[in-house]
């Protein structure tokens, strides 16, 4: 995935070593360099497959998991959010192998990634962002009227240590989009992802909420190697639930 903003576009003085260090530490430089190696001219599906291949996944198995997904018609795909960036790549690879009309509800920062920009439905803010929320609802309605498939991560943030439950789990799922889809008669499929972030990430995230986001690029590049034999599965569902990592 590309970095949301290149270092050269930050307009920093050349001697501002601290910012350069942070760009390296957070993985911005690595992300920008890696994005340039992706087959962007071949489209998003090719890029997602290349990323998974580079991470050691069997792309054919990822595609096979989406056989149960309807080939057309409005659809909502909800998913747990165990690892961050890799979650979206897994879903895009699987779903784009079955159909081309995929949208993903996400932070508008992803709109700055050229190969992904036209796929993103920017998520509206719940506090002080009523206009953006209405825009999100309108975009979802339009997508489903066109018979498109929409991906949502109802937890809203990557899975992290839950002190109350003493485990690593998703945050409580927001069900607003699911209820909206139900009112419109849009079927829902649940994606269950079994990939995990390393313990050092969860240790940092337990100390700082901001670390959950700040370290996502770094953990994305660190999360290369051994993966579950079945990292993704889809099932038709009727109501939301809270997903916990084991």
Protein backbone atom coordinates (compact mmCIF):
# COMPACT_ATOMS: atom_id res chain seq x y z
CA UNK A 1 0.00 0.00 0.00
CA UNK A 2 1.25 3.50 -0.63
CA UNK A 3 1.89 6.07 2.05
CA UNK A 4 -0.92 8.60 2.40
CA UNK A 5 1.54 11.42 1.92
CA UNK A 6 5.03 11.32 0.49
CA UNK A 7 7.88 12.72 2.56
CA UNK A 8 8.78 15.15 -0.19
CA UNK A 9 5.29 16.67 -0.09
CA UNK A 10 5.48 17.54 3.61
CA UNK A 11 7.50 20.69 2.85
CA UNK A 12 9.93 20.05 5.72
CA UNK A 13 13.38 21.64 5.94
CA UNK A 14 16.07 19.26 4.73
CA UNK A 15 17.77 19.35 8.15
CA UNK A 16 14.59 18.43 10.05
CA UNK A 17 16.00 15.08 11.07
CA UNK A 18 13.34 14.27 13.65
CA UNK A 19 10.55 14.22 11.08
CA UNK A 20 12.69 12.16 8.71
CA UNK A 21 13.31 9.68 11.52
CA UNK A 22 9.59 9.42 12.25
CA UNK A 23 8.81 8.89 8.55
CA UNK A 24 11.28 5.99 8.62
CA UNK A 25 10.16 4.62 11.98
CA UNK A 26 6.44 4.67 11.12
CA UNK A 27 7.02 3.00 7.76
CA UNK A 28 6.07 5.94 5.52
CA UNK A 29 9.25 5.70 3.45
CA UNK A 30 8.95 1.93 3.09
CA UNK A 31 5.30 2.22 2.08
CA UNK A 32 6.02 4.81 -0.58
CA UNK A 33 8.87 2.76 -2.04
CA UNK A 34 6.80 -0.44 -1.97
CA UNK A 35 3.82 1.21 -3.67
CA UNK A 36 6.04 2.05 -6.64
CA UNK A 37 6.74 -1.67 -7.13
CA UNK A 38 3.07 -2.63 -7.38
CA UNK A 39 1.41 -3.30 -10.77
CA UNK A 40 -0.92 -0.30 -10.44
CA UNK A 41 -1.41 -0.14 -14.21
CA UNK A 42 -3.10 -3.55 -13.98
CA UNK A 43 -5.64 -2.39 -11.40
CA UNK A 44 -6.49 -2.89 -7.76
CA UNK A 45 -7.01 -6.66 -7.93
CA UNK A 46 -3.49 -7.21 -9.29
CA UNK A 47 -2.04 -4.98 -6.59
CA UNK A 48 -3.90 -6.79 -3.80
CA UNK A 49 -2.80 -10.18 -5.12
CA UNK A 50 0.81 -9.01 -5.39
CA UNK A 51 0.79 -7.77 -1.79
CA UNK A 52 -0.56 -11.09 -0.52
CA UNK A 53 1.97 -13.03 -2.57
CA UNK A 54 4.77 -10.89 -1.12
CA UNK A 55 3.43 -11.60 2.37
CA UNK A 56 3.56 -15.34 1.79
CA UNK A 57 -0.15 -16.07 1.26
CA UNK A 58 -1.52 -18.59 -1.20
CA UNK A 59 -3.57 -16.24 -3.37
CA UNK A 60 -5.53 -19.12 -4.92
CA UNK A 61 -6.80 -20.11 -1.46
CA UNK A 62 -7.83 -16.52 -0.76
CA UNK A 63 -9.84 -16.42 -3.99
CA UNK A 64 -11.40 -19.82 -3.30
CA UNK A 65 -12.79 -18.54 -0.01
CA UNK A 66 -15.05 -16.11 -1.93
CA UNK A 67 -16.87 -18.80 -3.93
CA UNK A 68 -19.97 -18.37 -1.77
CA UNK A 69 -20.19 -14.63 -2.45
CA UNK A 70 -23.02 -13.63 -4.83
CA UNK A 71 -21.60 -12.58 -8.20
CA UNK A 72 -23.89 -9.56 -8.50
CA UNK A 73 -26.47 -7.48 -6.66
CA UNK A 74 -26.19 -5.16 -3.69
CA UNK A 75 -24.23 -6.74 -0.86
CA UNK A 76 -22.76 -5.79 2.52
CA UNK A 77 -19.61 -7.57 3.70
CA UNK A 78 -18.73 -6.97 7.36
CA UNK A 79 -15.46 -8.12 8.84
CA UNK A 80 -13.50 -8.32 12.04
CA UNK A 81 -10.37 -6.16 12.06
CA UNK A 82 -7.49 -8.15 13.58
CA UNK A 83 -4.45 -6.71 11.83
CA UNK A 84 -5.23 -3.41 10.10
CA UNK A 85 -4.01 -2.83 6.52
CA UNK A 86 -3.65 -6.52 5.72
CA UNK A 87 -7.35 -7.05 6.50
CA UNK A 88 -8.43 -4.77 3.69
CA UNK A 89 -5.99 -6.35 1.24
CA UNK A 90 -7.28 -9.85 2.03
CA UNK A 91 -10.88 -8.79 1.51
CA UNK A 92 -10.16 -6.89 -1.68
CA UNK A 93 -8.23 -9.79 -3.18
CA UNK A 94 -10.93 -12.32 -2.31
CA UNK A 95 -13.93 -10.24 -3.39
CA UNK A 96 -12.36 -8.81 -6.54
CA UNK A 97 -11.73 -12.37 -7.70
CA UNK A 98 -15.52 -12.83 -7.75
CA UNK A 99 -16.83 -9.40 -8.76
CA UNK A 100 -15.45 -6.03 -9.83
CA UNK A 101 -17.86 -3.62 -8.12
CA UNK A 102 -16.23 -3.47 -4.68
CA UNK A 103 -16.39 -0.43 -2.39
CA UNK A 104 -14.79 -0.10 1.04
CA UNK A 105 -15.94 2.17 3.86
CA UNK A 106 -12.76 3.68 5.28
CA UNK A 107 -10.98 6.78 6.47
CA UNK A 108 -10.76 9.36 3.69
CA UNK A 109 -6.95 9.27 4.04
CA UNK A 110 -7.10 6.20 1.78
CA UNK A 111 -8.50 8.39 -1.00
CA UNK A 112 -4.96 9.70 -1.52
CA UNK A 113 -3.81 6.27 -2.75
CA UNK A 114 -4.42 6.49 -6.52
CA UNK A 115 -5.19 2.81 -7.20
CA UNK A 116 -7.69 2.75 -4.32
CA UNK A 117 -9.20 6.22 -4.41
CA UNK A 118 -12.32 5.48 -6.47
CA UNK A 119 -13.16 2.46 -4.31
CA UNK A 120 -13.36 4.31 -0.98
CA UNK A 121 -16.59 5.45 0.66
CA UNK A 122 -15.22 8.00 3.18
CA UNK A 123 -16.63 7.31 6.61
CA UNK A 124 -18.50 10.11 8.36
CA UNK A 125 -17.70 11.27 11.86
CA UNK A 126 -20.21 10.57 14.62
CA UNK A 127 -19.45 13.66 16.70
CA UNK A 128 -19.60 17.05 15.04
CA UNK A 129 -19.60 15.50 11.59
CA UNK A 130 -23.29 15.10 10.77
CA UNK A 131 -22.81 16.38 7.22
CA UNK A 132 -20.12 13.81 6.51
CA UNK A 133 -22.29 11.09 8.04
CA UNK A 134 -25.14 12.00 5.70
CA UNK A 135 -22.71 11.90 2.78
CA UNK A 136 -21.63 8.42 3.80
CA UNK A 137 -25.22 7.22 4.02
CA UNK A 138 -25.98 8.74 0.62
CA UNK A 139 -22.91 7.10 -0.92
CA UNK A 140 -23.90 3.72 0.53
CA UNK A 141 -27.44 4.00 -0.79
CA UNK A 142 -26.15 4.90 -4.25
CA UNK A 143 -23.69 2.01 -4.24
CA UNK A 144 -26.39 -0.50 -3.32
CA UNK A 145 -28.80 0.98 -5.86
CA UNK A 146 -26.11 0.24 -8.45
CA UNK A 147 -25.95 -3.33 -7.14
CA UNK A 148 -22.45 -2.98 -5.69
CA UNK A 149 -20.66 -4.79 -2.86
CA UNK A 150 -19.62 -2.71 0.16
CA UNK A 151 -16.98 -3.71 2.73
CA UNK A 152 -17.30 -2.41 6.30
CA UNK A 153 -15.20 -2.89 9.45
CA UNK A 154 -17.82 -2.27 12.17
CA UNK A 155 -15.21 -2.20 14.97
CA UNK A 156 -13.83 1.00 13.47
CA UNK A 157 -10.33 0.31 14.82
CA UNK A 158 -7.86 -2.55 14.71
CA UNK A 159 -8.22 -5.29 17.34
CA UNK A 160 -6.34 -4.52 20.54
CA UNK A 161 -6.02 -5.52 24.18
CA UNK A 162 -9.33 -5.19 26.03
CA UNK A 163 -8.66 -4.64 29.73
CA UNK A 164 -12.23 -5.43 30.77
CA UNK A 165 -12.22 -8.81 29.05
CA UNK A 166 -8.48 -9.44 29.43
CA UNK A 167 -8.00 -10.50 25.82
CA UNK A 168 -7.19 -9.18 22.35
CA UNK A 169 -10.44 -8.45 20.55
CA UNK A 170 -12.30 -6.06 18.30
CA UNK A 171 -13.87 -3.02 19.88
CA UNK A 172 -17.68 -3.28 20.15
CA UNK A 173 -19.14 -3.26 16.68
CA UNK A 174 -21.19 -0.27 15.52
CA UNK A 175 -24.25 -1.64 13.74
CA UNK A 176 -25.57 1.50 12.03
CA UNK A 177 -24.56 0.47 8.51
CA UNK A 178 -25.83 -3.06 9.07
CA UNK A 179 -29.22 -1.77 10.23
CA UNK A 180 -29.34 0.56 7.22
CA UNK A 181 -28.57 -2.34 4.89
CA UNK A 182 -31.31 -4.42 6.52
CA UNK A 183 -33.86 -1.66 5.98
CA UNK A 184 -32.90 -1.57 2.30
CA UNK A 185 -33.11 -5.35 2.00
CA UNK A 186 -29.38 -5.71 1.31
CA UNK A 187 -27.99 -9.16 2.26
CA UNK A 188 -24.96 -9.35 4.54
CA UNK A 189 -22.01 -11.70 4.51
CA UNK A 190 -19.57 -11.92 7.40
CA UNK A 191 -15.85 -12.24 6.71
CA UNK A 192 -13.81 -13.80 9.51
CA UNK A 193 -10.09 -13.06 9.31
CA UNK A 194 -7.67 -15.13 11.37
CA UNK A 195 -4.46 -13.16 10.81
CA UNK A 196 -2.89 -11.57 13.90
CA UNK A 197 -0.59 -8.72 14.80
CA UNK A 198 2.58 -9.46 16.80
CA UNK A 199 2.65 -9.04 20.56
CA UNK A 200 4.93 -5.99 20.39
CA UNK A 201 2.19 -4.14 18.50
CA UNK A 202 -0.41 -4.99 21.12
CA UNK A 203 1.97 -3.95 23.87
CA UNK A 204 2.41 -0.52 22.30
CA UNK A 205 -1.31 -0.21 21.51
CA UNK A 206 -2.19 -1.02 25.13
CA UNK A 207 -0.11 1.94 26.28
CA UNK A 208 -1.37 4.42 23.69
CA UNK A 209 -4.53 4.56 21.60
CA UNK A 210 -2.72 6.61 18.97
CA UNK A 211 -0.17 3.82 18.56
CA UNK A 212 -2.90 1.58 17.08
CA UNK A 213 -2.97 3.83 14.04
CA UNK A 214 0.58 5.16 14.02
CA UNK A 215 2.16 1.70 13.92
CA UNK A 216 -0.12 0.11 11.31
CA UNK A 217 2.28 0.62 8.42
CA UNK A 218 5.23 -0.67 10.40
CA UNK A 219 3.37 -3.78 11.53
CA UNK A 220 2.16 -4.31 7.96
CA UNK A 221 5.74 -4.73 6.78
CA UNK A 222 6.68 -6.77 9.84
CA UNK A 223 3.73 -9.13 9.39
CA UNK A 224 5.40 -11.15 6.63
CA UNK A 225 5.98 -14.87 6.93
CA UNK A 226 3.91 -17.66 8.46
CA UNK A 227 0.14 -17.22 8.18
CA UNK A 228 -2.92 -19.37 8.95
CA UNK A 229 -3.72 -21.97 6.30
CA UNK A 230 -7.23 -20.48 6.04
CA UNK A 231 -6.83 -16.77 6.79
CA UNK A 232 -10.30 -15.78 5.55
CA UNK A 233 -13.77 -17.29 5.52
CA UNK A 234 -17.19 -15.95 4.49
CA UNK A 235 -20.63 -16.78 5.87
CA UNK A 236 -24.11 -15.41 5.33
CA UNK A 237 -25.35 -13.83 8.55
CA UNK A 238 -28.45 -12.17 9.96
CA UNK A 239 -27.19 -10.12 12.92
CA UNK A 240 -23.90 -8.56 14.12
CA UNK A 241 -21.72 -9.85 16.91
CA UNK A 242 -18.46 -9.10 18.61
CA UNK A 243 -15.44 -10.92 17.22
CA UNK A 244 -12.66 -12.05 19.52
CA UNK A 245 -9.19 -13.28 18.59
CA UNK A 246 -8.01 -16.58 20.03
